Amino acid sequence: MPREIGWRAARIAGTWIGTPYRHQGGRKDVGCDCLGLVRGVWGELYGREAERPGAYDVDWAVRGEGELMLEAARRHLDERTGEAPLTGDVLLFRWRERLPASHCGILDAEGRLVHAYEGSAVVSSAIPEAWMRRLAGLFRFPDTP
Protein backbone atom coordinates (compact mmCIF):
# COMPACT_ATOMS: atom_id res chain seq x y z
CA MET A 1 0.00 0.00 0.00
CA PRO A 2 1.44 3.41 -0.96
CA ARG A 3 2.41 5.75 1.82
CA GLU A 4 0.29 8.80 2.57
CA ILE A 5 2.98 11.09 1.13
CA GLY A 6 2.52 9.36 -2.24
CA TRP A 7 -1.22 9.90 -2.22
CA ARG A 8 -0.71 13.55 -1.26
CA ALA A 9 1.85 14.03 -4.04
CA ALA A 10 -0.51 12.48 -6.59
CA ARG A 11 -3.42 14.69 -5.44
CA ILE A 12 -1.28 17.81 -5.64
CA ALA A 13 0.06 16.84 -9.09
CA GLY A 14 -3.53 16.50 -10.28
CA THR A 15 -4.20 20.13 -9.35
CA TRP A 16 -1.47 21.16 -11.82
CA ILE A 17 -3.28 19.59 -14.81
CA GLY A 18 -3.96 22.27 -17.40
CA THR A 19 -1.01 24.45 -16.38
CA PRO A 20 0.52 25.60 -19.68
CA TYR A 21 3.96 24.38 -20.67
CA ARG A 22 6.67 26.93 -20.02
CA HIS A 23 10.34 26.00 -20.24
CA GLN A 24 11.99 26.42 -16.80
CA GLY A 25 8.64 27.42 -15.29
CA GLY A 26 7.44 26.12 -11.97
CA ARG A 27 4.20 27.97 -11.15
CA LYS A 28 0.82 26.28 -11.07
CA ASP A 29 -1.70 27.78 -13.52
CA VAL A 30 1.04 30.07 -14.91
CA GLY A 31 3.47 27.69 -16.57
CA CYS A 32 5.89 24.84 -15.96
CA ASP A 33 7.96 22.17 -17.60
CA CYS A 34 8.22 18.61 -16.32
CA LEU A 35 10.90 19.49 -13.77
CA GLY A 36 8.93 22.55 -12.66
CA LEU A 37 5.95 20.30 -11.99
CA VAL A 38 7.97 18.03 -9.68
CA ARG A 39 9.57 21.06 -8.00
CA GLY A 40 6.14 22.62 -7.53
CA VAL A 41 4.67 19.47 -5.98
CA TRP A 42 7.71 19.31 -3.65
CA GLY A 43 7.06 22.92 -2.62
CA GLU A 44 3.41 22.21 -1.85
CA LEU A 45 4.30 19.08 0.12
CA TYR A 46 7.09 20.62 2.22
CA GLY A 47 6.47 24.37 2.13
CA ARG A 48 9.74 25.22 0.41
CA GLU A 49 11.72 24.42 -2.69
CA ALA A 50 14.34 21.67 -2.55
CA GLU A 51 16.81 23.53 -4.77
CA ARG A 52 16.82 25.88 -7.74
CA PRO A 53 18.11 24.06 -10.81
CA GLY A 54 19.70 27.08 -12.45
CA ALA A 55 19.19 27.96 -16.10
CA TYR A 56 19.05 25.12 -18.60
CA ASP A 57 18.51 25.13 -22.35
CA VAL A 58 15.68 23.19 -23.96
CA ASP A 59 18.21 20.83 -25.57
CA TRP A 60 20.54 20.40 -22.57
CA ALA A 61 20.16 16.61 -22.54
CA VAL A 62 20.83 16.20 -26.26
CA ARG A 63 24.17 17.90 -25.72
CA GLY A 64 25.02 15.26 -23.10
CA GLU A 65 25.55 17.65 -20.19
CA GLY A 66 25.49 14.84 -17.62
CA GLU A 67 22.85 13.22 -15.44
CA LEU A 68 21.67 16.50 -13.92
CA MET A 69 18.05 15.44 -13.40
CA LEU A 70 18.93 11.97 -12.11
CA GLU A 71 21.55 13.34 -9.70
CA ALA A 72 19.11 15.94 -8.34
CA ALA A 73 16.45 13.26 -7.84
CA ARG A 74 18.98 11.19 -5.88
CA ARG A 75 19.77 14.20 -3.66
CA HIS A 76 16.17 14.92 -2.72
CA LEU A 77 14.02 11.84 -3.31
CA ASP A 78 14.14 8.25 -2.11
CA GLU A 79 15.29 5.98 -4.93
CA ARG A 80 13.37 2.76 -5.54
CA THR A 81 14.86 -0.08 -7.54
CA GLY A 82 13.39 -3.32 -8.77
CA GLU A 83 9.85 -2.37 -7.78
CA ALA A 84 6.69 -1.43 -9.64
CA PRO A 85 5.78 2.26 -9.57
CA LEU A 86 3.31 3.32 -6.87
CA THR A 87 0.93 6.25 -6.57
CA GLY A 88 2.89 9.47 -6.13
CA ASP A 89 6.20 8.08 -7.39
CA VAL A 90 8.40 10.25 -9.59
CA LEU A 91 9.45 8.56 -12.82
CA LEU A 92 12.45 9.74 -14.85
CA PHE A 93 12.88 8.80 -18.49
CA ARG A 94 15.89 8.57 -20.78
CA TRP A 95 14.84 8.86 -24.43
CA ARG A 96 18.09 7.59 -25.92
CA GLU A 97 20.41 5.02 -24.39
CA ARG A 98 23.53 7.18 -24.19
CA LEU A 99 21.81 10.43 -23.23
CA PRO A 100 20.87 11.63 -19.74
CA ALA A 101 17.41 11.30 -18.23
CA SER A 102 15.50 14.33 -19.47
CA HIS A 103 11.80 13.88 -18.70
CA CYS A 104 9.90 13.26 -15.48
CA GLY A 105 6.42 12.98 -14.12
CA ILE A 106 4.38 11.79 -11.14
CA LEU A 107 2.24 8.65 -11.10
CA ASP A 108 -1.39 9.36 -10.28
CA ALA A 109 -3.81 7.06 -8.44
CA GLU A 110 -5.04 5.58 -11.73
CA GLY A 111 -1.53 4.57 -12.82
CA ARG A 112 -1.26 7.42 -15.30
CA LEU A 113 1.62 9.87 -15.60
CA VAL A 114 1.07 13.52 -14.69
CA HIS A 115 3.68 15.43 -16.68
CA ALA A 116 4.28 18.53 -18.78
CA TYR A 117 5.65 18.58 -22.25
CA GLU A 118 6.53 21.20 -24.82
CA GLY A 119 3.68 22.42 -26.96
CA SER A 120 1.04 21.27 -24.51
CA ALA A 121 0.38 21.58 -20.79
CA VAL A 122 0.41 19.45 -17.68
CA VAL A 123 -1.62 16.36 -18.54
CA SER A 124 -2.41 12.93 -17.15
CA SER A 125 -1.71 10.29 -19.76
CA ALA A 126 -1.34 6.55 -20.02
CA ILE A 127 2.26 5.37 -19.89
CA PRO A 128 3.10 3.44 -23.06
CA GLU A 129 5.18 0.28 -22.63
CA ALA A 130 7.82 1.91 -24.83
CA TRP A 131 8.19 4.65 -22.21
CA MET A 132 8.58 2.10 -19.41
CA ARG A 133 11.47 0.56 -21.36
CA ARG A 134 13.10 4.00 -21.16
CA LEU A 135 12.65 4.38 -17.40
CA ALA A 136 15.89 5.79 -16.01
CA GLY A 137 14.88 6.14 -12.37
CA LEU A 138 12.02 5.56 -9.98
CA PHE A 139 11.75 7.70 -6.86
CA ARG A 140 9.32 8.57 -4.08
CA PHE A 141 8.94 11.73 -2.09
CA PRO A 142 10.53 11.29 1.35
CA ASP A 143 8.46 11.35 4.54
CA THR A 144 10.54 14.37 5.60
CA PRO A 145 12.70 16.51 3.30
C-alpha atoms as a PDB file:
ATOM      1  CA  MET A   1       0.000   0.000   0.000  1.00  0.00           C
ATOM      2  CA  PRO A   2       1.436   3.405  -0.955  1.00  0.00           C
ATOM      3  CA  ARG A   3       2.405   5.749   1.822  1.00  0.00           C
ATOM      4  CA  GLU A   4       0.285   8.805   2.573  1.00  0.00           C
ATOM      5  CA  ILE A   5       2.983  11.093   1.127  1.00  0.00           C
ATOM      6  CA  GLY A   6       2.524   9.363  -2.242  1.00  0.00           C
ATOM      7  CA  TRP A   7      -1.219   9.899  -2.221  1.00  0.00           C
ATOM      8  CA  ARG A   8      -0.705  13.551  -1.255  1.00  0.00           C
ATOM      9  CA  ALA A   9       1.847  14.026  -4.040  1.00  0.00           C
ATOM     10  CA  ALA A  10      -0.514  12.483  -6.590  1.00  0.00           C
ATOM     11  CA  ARG A  11      -3.420  14.686  -5.445  1.00  0.00           C
ATOM     12  CA  ILE A  12      -1.279  17.808  -5.644  1.00  0.00           C
ATOM     13  CA  ALA A  13       0.064  16.836  -9.086  1.00  0.00           C
ATOM     14  CA  GLY A  14      -3.528  16.501 -10.283  1.00  0.00           C
ATOM     15  CA  THR A  15      -4.201  20.128  -9.350  1.00  0.00           C
ATOM     16  CA  TRP A  16      -1.473  21.156 -11.818  1.00  0.00           C
ATOM     17  CA  ILE A  17      -3.279  19.593 -14.806  1.00  0.00           C
ATOM     18  CA  GLY A  18      -3.963  22.272 -17.400  1.00  0.00           C
ATOM     19  CA  THR A  19      -1.014  24.446 -16.376  1.00  0.00           C
ATOM     20  CA  PRO A  20       0.523  25.600 -19.683  1.00  0.00           C
ATOM     21  CA  TYR A  21       3.957  24.381 -20.674  1.00  0.00           C
ATOM     22  CA  ARG A  22       6.668  26.934 -20.020  1.00  0.00           C
ATOM     23  CA  HIS A  23      10.343  26.001 -20.244  1.00  0.00           C
ATOM     24  CA  GLN A  24      11.989  26.421 -16.797  1.00  0.00           C
ATOM     25  CA  GLY A  25       8.635  27.424 -15.293  1.00  0.00           C
ATOM     26  CA  GLY A  26       7.440  26.125 -11.971  1.00  0.00           C
ATOM     27  CA  ARG A  27       4.198  27.965 -11.148  1.00  0.00           C
ATOM     28  CA  LYS A  28       0.816  26.280 -11.066  1.00  0.00           C
ATOM     29  CA  ASP A  29      -1.695  27.779 -13.518  1.00  0.00           C
ATOM     30  CA  VAL A  30       1.037  30.074 -14.910  1.00  0.00           C
ATOM     31  CA  GLY A  31       3.469  27.685 -16.575  1.00  0.00           C
ATOM     32  CA  CYS A  32       5.885  24.839 -15.956  1.00  0.00           C
ATOM     33  CA  ASP A  33       7.957  22.174 -17.598  1.00  0.00           C
ATOM     34  CA  CYS A  34       8.219  18.608 -16.318  1.00  0.00           C
ATOM     35  CA  LEU A  35      10.904  19.494 -13.770  1.00  0.00           C
ATOM     36  CA  GLY A  36       8.934  22.548 -12.656  1.00  0.00           C
ATOM     37  CA  LEU A  37       5.947  20.296 -11.989  1.00  0.00           C
ATOM     38  CA  VAL A  38       7.965  18.031  -9.682  1.00  0.00           C
ATOM     39  CA  ARG A  39       9.567  21.063  -8.002  1.00  0.00           C
ATOM     40  CA  GLY A  40       6.136  22.615  -7.527  1.00  0.00           C
ATOM     41  CA  VAL A  41       4.674  19.474  -5.975  1.00  0.00           C
ATOM     42  CA  TRP A  42       7.706  19.311  -3.651  1.00  0.00           C
ATOM     43  CA  GLY A  43       7.063  22.915  -2.618  1.00  0.00           C
ATOM     44  CA  GLU A  44       3.410  22.212  -1.855  1.00  0.00           C
ATOM     45  CA  LEU A  45       4.303  19.083   0.124  1.00  0.00           C
ATOM     46  CA  TYR A  46       7.092  20.619   2.221  1.00  0.00           C
ATOM     47  CA  GLY A  47       6.473  24.368   2.130  1.00  0.00           C
ATOM     48  CA  ARG A  48       9.739  25.223   0.409  1.00  0.00           C
ATOM     49  CA  GLU A  49      11.723  24.423  -2.695  1.00  0.00           C
ATOM     50  CA  ALA A  50      14.342  21.668  -2.553  1.00  0.00           C
ATOM     51  CA  GLU A  51      16.809  23.530  -4.773  1.00  0.00           C
ATOM     52  CA  ARG A  52      16.822  25.879  -7.741  1.00  0.00           C
ATOM     53  CA  PRO A  53      18.108  24.063 -10.807  1.00  0.00           C
ATOM     54  CA  GLY A  54      19.701  27.084 -12.449  1.00  0.00           C
ATOM     55  CA  ALA A  55      19.189  27.964 -16.096  1.00  0.00           C
ATOM     56  CA  TYR A  56      19.046  25.121 -18.603  1.00  0.00           C
ATOM     57  CA  ASP A  57      18.509  25.127 -22.349  1.00  0.00           C
ATOM     58  CA  VAL A  58      15.679  23.186 -23.961  1.00  0.00           C
ATOM     59  CA  ASP A  59      18.213  20.831 -25.568  1.00  0.00           C
ATOM     60  CA  TRP A  60      20.542  20.395 -22.566  1.00  0.00           C
ATOM     61  CA  ALA A  61      20.161  16.606 -22.537  1.00  0.00           C
ATOM     62  CA  VAL A  62      20.828  16.197 -26.263  1.00  0.00           C
ATOM     63  CA  ARG A  63      24.171  17.897 -25.722  1.00  0.00           C
ATOM     64  CA  GLY A  64      25.019  15.259 -23.100  1.00  0.00           C
ATOM     65  CA  GLU A  65      25.549  17.648 -20.192  1.00  0.00           C
ATOM     66  CA  GLY A  66      25.493  14.844 -17.619  1.00  0.00           C
ATOM     67  CA  GLU A  67      22.847  13.220 -15.442  1.00  0.00           C
ATOM     68  CA  LEU A  68      21.673  16.500 -13.923  1.00  0.00           C
ATOM     69  CA  MET A  69      18.053  15.439 -13.405  1.00  0.00           C
ATOM     70  CA  LEU A  70      18.926  11.974 -12.111  1.00  0.00           C
ATOM     71  CA  GLU A  71      21.549  13.341  -9.703  1.00  0.00           C
ATOM     72  CA  ALA A  72      19.114  15.944  -8.343  1.00  0.00           C
ATOM     73  CA  ALA A  73      16.453  13.263  -7.840  1.00  0.00           C
ATOM     74  CA  ARG A  74      18.975  11.191  -5.880  1.00  0.00           C
ATOM     75  CA  ARG A  75      19.774  14.198  -3.664  1.00  0.00           C
ATOM     76  CA  HIS A  76      16.173  14.922  -2.722  1.00  0.00           C
ATOM     77  CA  LEU A  77      14.018  11.844  -3.309  1.00  0.00           C
ATOM     78  CA  ASP A  78      14.144   8.248  -2.111  1.00  0.00           C
ATOM     79  CA  GLU A  79      15.287   5.981  -4.934  1.00  0.00           C
ATOM     80  CA  ARG A  80      13.368   2.760  -5.540  1.00  0.00           C
ATOM     81  CA  THR A  81      14.863  -0.079  -7.536  1.00  0.00           C
ATOM     82  CA  GLY A  82      13.386  -3.323  -8.772  1.00  0.00           C
ATOM     83  CA  GLU A  83       9.852  -2.375  -7.780  1.00  0.00           C
ATOM     84  CA  ALA A  84       6.692  -1.426  -9.637  1.00  0.00           C
ATOM     85  CA  PRO A  85       5.783   2.261  -9.568  1.00  0.00           C
ATOM     86  CA  LEU A  86       3.313   3.316  -6.867  1.00  0.00           C
ATOM     87  CA  THR A  87       0.930   6.249  -6.565  1.00  0.00           C
ATOM     88  CA  GLY A  88       2.894   9.468  -6.127  1.00  0.00           C
ATOM     89  CA  ASP A  89       6.196   8.082  -7.388  1.00  0.00           C
ATOM     90  CA  VAL A  90       8.403  10.246  -9.592  1.00  0.00           C
ATOM     91  CA  LEU A  91       9.445   8.555 -12.825  1.00  0.00           C
ATOM     92  CA  LEU A  92      12.454   9.740 -14.853  1.00  0.00           C
ATOM     93  CA  PHE A  93      12.878   8.803 -18.492  1.00  0.00           C
ATOM     94  CA  ARG A  94      15.892   8.570 -20.784  1.00  0.00           C
ATOM     95  CA  TRP A  95      14.840   8.860 -24.432  1.00  0.00           C
ATOM     96  CA  ARG A  96      18.094   7.594 -25.915  1.00  0.00           C
ATOM     97  CA  GLU A  97      20.414   5.023 -24.390  1.00  0.00           C
ATOM     98  CA  ARG A  98      23.533   7.183 -24.186  1.00  0.00           C
ATOM     99  CA  LEU A  99      21.811  10.431 -23.227  1.00  0.00           C
ATOM    100  CA  PRO A 100      20.870  11.625 -19.741  1.00  0.00           C
ATOM    101  CA  ALA A 101      17.409  11.298 -18.232  1.00  0.00           C
ATOM    102  CA  SER A 102      15.498  14.330 -19.465  1.00  0.00           C
ATOM    103  CA  HIS A 103      11.799  13.879 -18.703  1.00  0.00           C
ATOM    104  CA  CYS A 104       9.901  13.257 -15.482  1.00  0.00           C
ATOM    105  CA  GLY A 105       6.415  12.975 -14.119  1.00  0.00           C
ATOM    106  CA  ILE A 106       4.381  11.790 -11.135  1.00  0.00           C
ATOM    107  CA  LEU A 107       2.239   8.653 -11.101  1.00  0.00           C
ATOM    108  CA  ASP A 108      -1.394   9.356 -10.277  1.00  0.00           C
ATOM    109  CA  ALA A 109      -3.807   7.058  -8.436  1.00  0.00           C
ATOM    110  CA  GLU A 110      -5.040   5.577 -11.731  1.00  0.00           C
ATOM    111  CA  GLY A 111      -1.528   4.574 -12.818  1.00  0.00           C
ATOM    112  CA  ARG A 112      -1.265   7.424 -15.298  1.00  0.00           C
ATOM    113  CA  LEU A 113       1.616   9.871 -15.600  1.00  0.00           C
ATOM    114  CA  VAL A 114       1.067  13.521 -14.694  1.00  0.00           C
ATOM    115  CA  HIS A 115       3.679  15.429 -16.684  1.00  0.00           C
ATOM    116  CA  ALA A 116       4.279  18.533 -18.779  1.00  0.00           C
ATOM    117  CA  TYR A 117       5.654  18.582 -22.247  1.00  0.00           C
ATOM    118  CA  GLU A 118       6.533  21.198 -24.823  1.00  0.00           C
ATOM    119  CA  GLY A 119       3.677  22.423 -26.963  1.00  0.00           C
ATOM    120  CA  SER A 120       1.039  21.271 -24.513  1.00  0.00           C
ATOM    121  CA  ALA A 121       0.380  21.583 -20.793  1.00  0.00           C
ATOM    122  CA  VAL A 122       0.411  19.447 -17.677  1.00  0.00           C
ATOM    123  CA  VAL A 123      -1.621  16.360 -18.545  1.00  0.00           C
ATOM    124  CA  SER A 124      -2.411  12.933 -17.152  1.00  0.00           C
ATOM    125  CA  SER A 125      -1.709  10.286 -19.755  1.00  0.00           C
ATOM    126  CA  ALA A 126      -1.338   6.550 -20.016  1.00  0.00           C
ATOM    127  CA  ILE A 127       2.262   5.373 -19.894  1.00  0.00           C
ATOM    128  CA  PRO A 128       3.097   3.441 -23.057  1.00  0.00           C
ATOM    129  CA  GLU A 129       5.176   0.285 -22.632  1.00  0.00           C
ATOM    130  CA  ALA A 130       7.815   1.912 -24.834  1.00  0.00           C
ATOM    131  CA  TRP A 131       8.195   4.645 -22.212  1.00  0.00           C
ATOM    132  CA  MET A 132       8.580   2.096 -19.413  1.00  0.00           C
ATOM    133  CA  ARG A 133      11.468   0.562 -21.355  1.00  0.00           C
ATOM    134  CA  ARG A 134      13.102   4.005 -21.159  1.00  0.00           C
ATOM    135  CA  LEU A 135      12.646   4.381 -17.404  1.00  0.00           C
ATOM    136  CA  ALA A 136      15.895   5.790 -16.012  1.00  0.00           C
ATOM    137  CA  GLY A 137      14.877   6.136 -12.373  1.00  0.00           C
ATOM    138  CA  LEU A 138      12.022   5.561  -9.981  1.00  0.00           C
ATOM    139  CA  PHE A 139      11.748   7.704  -6.858  1.00  0.00           C
ATOM    140  CA  ARG A 140       9.322   8.572  -4.083  1.00  0.00           C
ATOM    141  CA  PHE A 141       8.937  11.733  -2.093  1.00  0.00           C
ATOM    142  CA  PRO A 142      10.528  11.286   1.354  1.00  0.00           C
ATOM    143  CA  ASP A 143       8.463  11.353   4.537  1.00  0.00           C
ATOM    144  CA  THR A 144      10.542  14.370   5.597  1.00  0.00           C
ATOM    145  CA  PRO A 145      12.699  16.514   3.303  1.00  0.00           C
END
